[in-house]
Amino acid sequence: MGAVLATVWFAAPATRNLVPVVFVVIVVLVALRFGALAGIVGSLVGAAIFAGWLYAPVGSLHVKDTGARDQIGWMVLAGISLSYLLAPKLSGRDHKH
């Protein structure tokens, strides 16, 4: 949902480059609250949404501009890495048997 809203809010060419950065912050907050898996899934789904709706050609997962592809790649890398690093760790005592 956040990726869709960010796509609509930042669709203007002047702000389009900020979308991946803002979304990484959102992914990190989600990972801090719900765990690494939620952050990883959010990063991947967000990248697919941005590729399909934000960057040309719209409606396709293929991104024509190499700079936009780089931004999506860095967003996924940062989102997954930060999700692993910053998400709360479960100890053995937290699991119910």
C-alpha atoms as a PDB file:
ATOM      1  CA  MET A   1       0.000   0.000   0.000  1.00  0.00           C
ATOM      2  CA  GLY A   2       2.829   2.373   0.862  1.00  0.00           C
ATOM      3  CA  ALA A   3       4.516   1.735  -2.478  1.00  0.00           C
ATOM      4  CA  VAL A   4       1.321   2.529  -4.372  1.00  0.00           C
ATOM      5  CA  LEU A   5       0.817   5.780  -2.446  1.00  0.00           C
ATOM      6  CA  ALA A   6       4.456   6.776  -2.935  1.00  0.00           C
ATOM      7  CA  THR A   7       4.106   6.109  -6.658  1.00  0.00           C
ATOM      8  CA  VAL A   8       1.120   8.452  -6.868  1.00  0.00           C
ATOM      9  CA  TRP A   9       2.566  11.174  -4.621  1.00  0.00           C
ATOM     10  CA  PHE A  10       6.011  11.266  -6.224  1.00  0.00           C
ATOM     11  CA  ALA A  11       5.040  10.682  -9.855  1.00  0.00           C
ATOM     12  CA  ALA A  12       6.386  14.069 -10.959  1.00  0.00           C
ATOM     13  CA  PRO A  13       9.794  13.783 -12.645  1.00  0.00           C
ATOM     14  CA  ALA A  14      11.388  16.221 -10.175  1.00  0.00           C
ATOM     15  CA  THR A  15      10.521  14.040  -7.161  1.00  0.00           C
ATOM     16  CA  ARG A  16      10.698  10.611  -8.786  1.00  0.00           C
ATOM     17  CA  ASN A  17      14.299  10.067  -7.640  1.00  0.00           C
ATOM     18  CA  LEU A  18      13.262  10.442  -3.996  1.00  0.00           C
ATOM     19  CA  VAL A  19      10.803   7.543  -4.069  1.00  0.00           C
ATOM     20  CA  PRO A  20      13.323   4.712  -3.485  1.00  0.00           C
ATOM     21  CA  VAL A  21      15.010   6.589  -0.643  1.00  0.00           C
ATOM     22  CA  VAL A  22      11.727   7.368   1.096  1.00  0.00           C
ATOM     23  CA  PHE A  23      10.530   3.811   0.599  1.00  0.00           C
ATOM     24  CA  VAL A  24      13.703   2.341   2.148  1.00  0.00           C
ATOM     25  CA  VAL A  25      12.916   4.345   5.284  1.00  0.00           C
ATOM     26  CA  ILE A  26       9.390   2.899   5.264  1.00  0.00           C
ATOM     27  CA  VAL A  27      10.747  -0.635   4.771  1.00  0.00           C
ATOM     28  CA  VAL A  28      13.152  -0.200   7.696  1.00  0.00           C
ATOM     29  CA  LEU A  29      10.318   0.978   9.947  1.00  0.00           C
ATOM     30  CA  VAL A  30       8.224  -2.025   8.906  1.00  0.00           C
ATOM     31  CA  ALA A  31      11.156  -4.370   9.579  1.00  0.00           C
ATOM     32  CA  LEU A  32      11.718  -2.842  13.003  1.00  0.00           C
ATOM     33  CA  ARG A  33       8.092  -3.419  13.920  1.00  0.00           C
ATOM     34  CA  PHE A  34       7.218  -6.684  12.155  1.00  0.00           C
ATOM     35  CA  GLY A  35      10.574  -8.374  11.513  1.00  0.00           C
ATOM     36  CA  ALA A  36      13.035  -9.014   8.728  1.00  0.00           C
ATOM     37  CA  LEU A  37      10.675 -11.067   6.568  1.00  0.00           C
ATOM     38  CA  ALA A  38       8.179  -8.195   6.370  1.00  0.00           C
ATOM     39  CA  GLY A  39      10.974  -5.811   5.350  1.00  0.00           C
ATOM     40  CA  ILE A  40      12.263  -8.177   2.687  1.00  0.00           C
ATOM     41  CA  VAL A  41       8.817  -8.807   1.224  1.00  0.00           C
ATOM     42  CA  GLY A  42       8.098  -5.064   1.338  1.00  0.00           C
ATOM     43  CA  SER A  43      11.320  -4.333  -0.553  1.00  0.00           C
ATOM     44  CA  LEU A  44      10.560  -6.847  -3.290  1.00  0.00           C
ATOM     45  CA  VAL A  45       6.900  -5.901  -3.689  1.00  0.00           C
ATOM     46  CA  GLY A  46       7.796  -2.205  -3.641  1.00  0.00           C
ATOM     47  CA  ALA A  47      10.394  -2.723  -6.366  1.00  0.00           C
ATOM     48  CA  ALA A  48       7.843  -4.517  -8.547  1.00  0.00           C
ATOM     49  CA  ILE A  49       5.279  -1.751  -8.013  1.00  0.00           C
ATOM     50  CA  PHE A  50       7.802   0.971  -8.806  1.00  0.00           C
ATOM     51  CA  ALA A  51       9.003  -0.859 -11.916  1.00  0.00           C
ATOM     52  CA  GLY A  52       5.441  -1.336 -13.141  1.00  0.00           C
ATOM     53  CA  TRP A  53       3.860   2.001 -12.286  1.00  0.00           C
ATOM     54  CA  LEU A  54       6.545   4.629 -11.730  1.00  0.00           C
ATOM     55  CA  TYR A  55       9.178   4.130 -14.405  1.00  0.00           C
ATOM     56  CA  ALA A  56       8.725   3.866 -18.174  1.00  0.00           C
ATOM     57  CA  PRO A  57       7.356   1.804 -19.757  1.00  0.00           C
ATOM     58  CA  VAL A  58       4.429   1.959 -17.341  1.00  0.00           C
ATOM     59  CA  GLY A  59       2.577  -1.330 -17.044  1.00  0.00           C
ATOM     60  CA  SER A  60       5.667  -3.483 -17.518  1.00  0.00           C
ATOM     61  CA  LEU A  61       8.243  -4.778 -15.038  1.00  0.00           C
ATOM     62  CA  HIS A  62      10.922  -3.886 -17.581  1.00  0.00           C
ATOM     63  CA  VAL A  63      12.486  -0.498 -16.770  1.00  0.00           C
ATOM     64  CA  LYS A  64      13.950   1.258 -19.811  1.00  0.00           C
ATOM     65  CA  ASP A  65      16.154   3.837 -18.068  1.00  0.00           C
ATOM     66  CA  THR A  66      19.369   2.409 -16.624  1.00  0.00           C
ATOM     67  CA  GLY A  67      19.425   5.037 -13.871  1.00  0.00           C
ATOM     68  CA  ALA A  68      15.933   3.998 -12.754  1.00  0.00           C
ATOM     69  CA  ARG A  69      16.984   0.334 -12.803  1.00  0.00           C
ATOM     70  CA  ASP A  70      19.968   1.222 -10.635  1.00  0.00           C
ATOM     71  CA  GLN A  71      17.702   3.053  -8.181  1.00  0.00           C
ATOM     72  CA  ILE A  72      15.406   0.046  -7.905  1.00  0.00           C
ATOM     73  CA  GLY A  73      18.381  -2.279  -7.440  1.00  0.00           C
ATOM     74  CA  TRP A  74      19.893  -0.140  -4.703  1.00  0.00           C
ATOM     75  CA  MET A  75      16.489   0.171  -3.036  1.00  0.00           C
ATOM     76  CA  VAL A  76      16.104  -3.627  -2.935  1.00  0.00           C
ATOM     77  CA  LEU A  77      19.675  -4.115  -1.702  1.00  0.00           C
ATOM     78  CA  ALA A  78      19.304  -1.483   1.027  1.00  0.00           C
ATOM     79  CA  GLY A  79      15.846  -2.681   2.056  1.00  0.00           C
ATOM     80  CA  ILE A  80      16.869  -6.327   2.388  1.00  0.00           C
ATOM     81  CA  SER A  81      20.201  -5.564   4.065  1.00  0.00           C
ATOM     82  CA  LEU A  82      18.754  -3.120   6.562  1.00  0.00           C
ATOM     83  CA  SER A  83      15.853  -5.462   7.292  1.00  0.00           C
ATOM     84  CA  TYR A  84      18.302  -8.198   8.266  1.00  0.00           C
ATOM     85  CA  LEU A  85      20.521  -5.858  10.251  1.00  0.00           C
ATOM     86  CA  LEU A  86      17.918  -3.844  12.131  1.00  0.00           C
ATOM     87  CA  ALA A  87      14.975  -6.190  12.667  1.00  0.00           C
ATOM     88  CA  PRO A  88      14.535  -7.458  16.211  1.00  0.00           C
ATOM     89  CA  LYS A  89      16.180 -10.795  16.814  1.00  0.00           C
ATOM     90  CA  LEU A  90      14.175 -13.628  18.365  1.00  0.00           C
ATOM     91  CA  SER A  91      15.891 -15.521  21.131  1.00  0.00           C
ATOM     92  CA  GLY A  92      15.296 -19.204  21.729  1.00  0.00           C
ATOM     93  CA  ARG A  93      13.124 -18.315  24.715  1.00  0.00           C
ATOM     94  CA  ASP A  94      10.694 -16.349  22.547  1.00  0.00           C
ATOM     95  CA  HIS A  95       9.545 -19.425  20.643  1.00  0.00           C
ATOM     96  CA  LYS A  96       6.629 -21.445  21.956  1.00  0.00           C
ATOM     97  CA  HIS A  97       6.949 -25.185  21.706  1.00  0.00           C
END
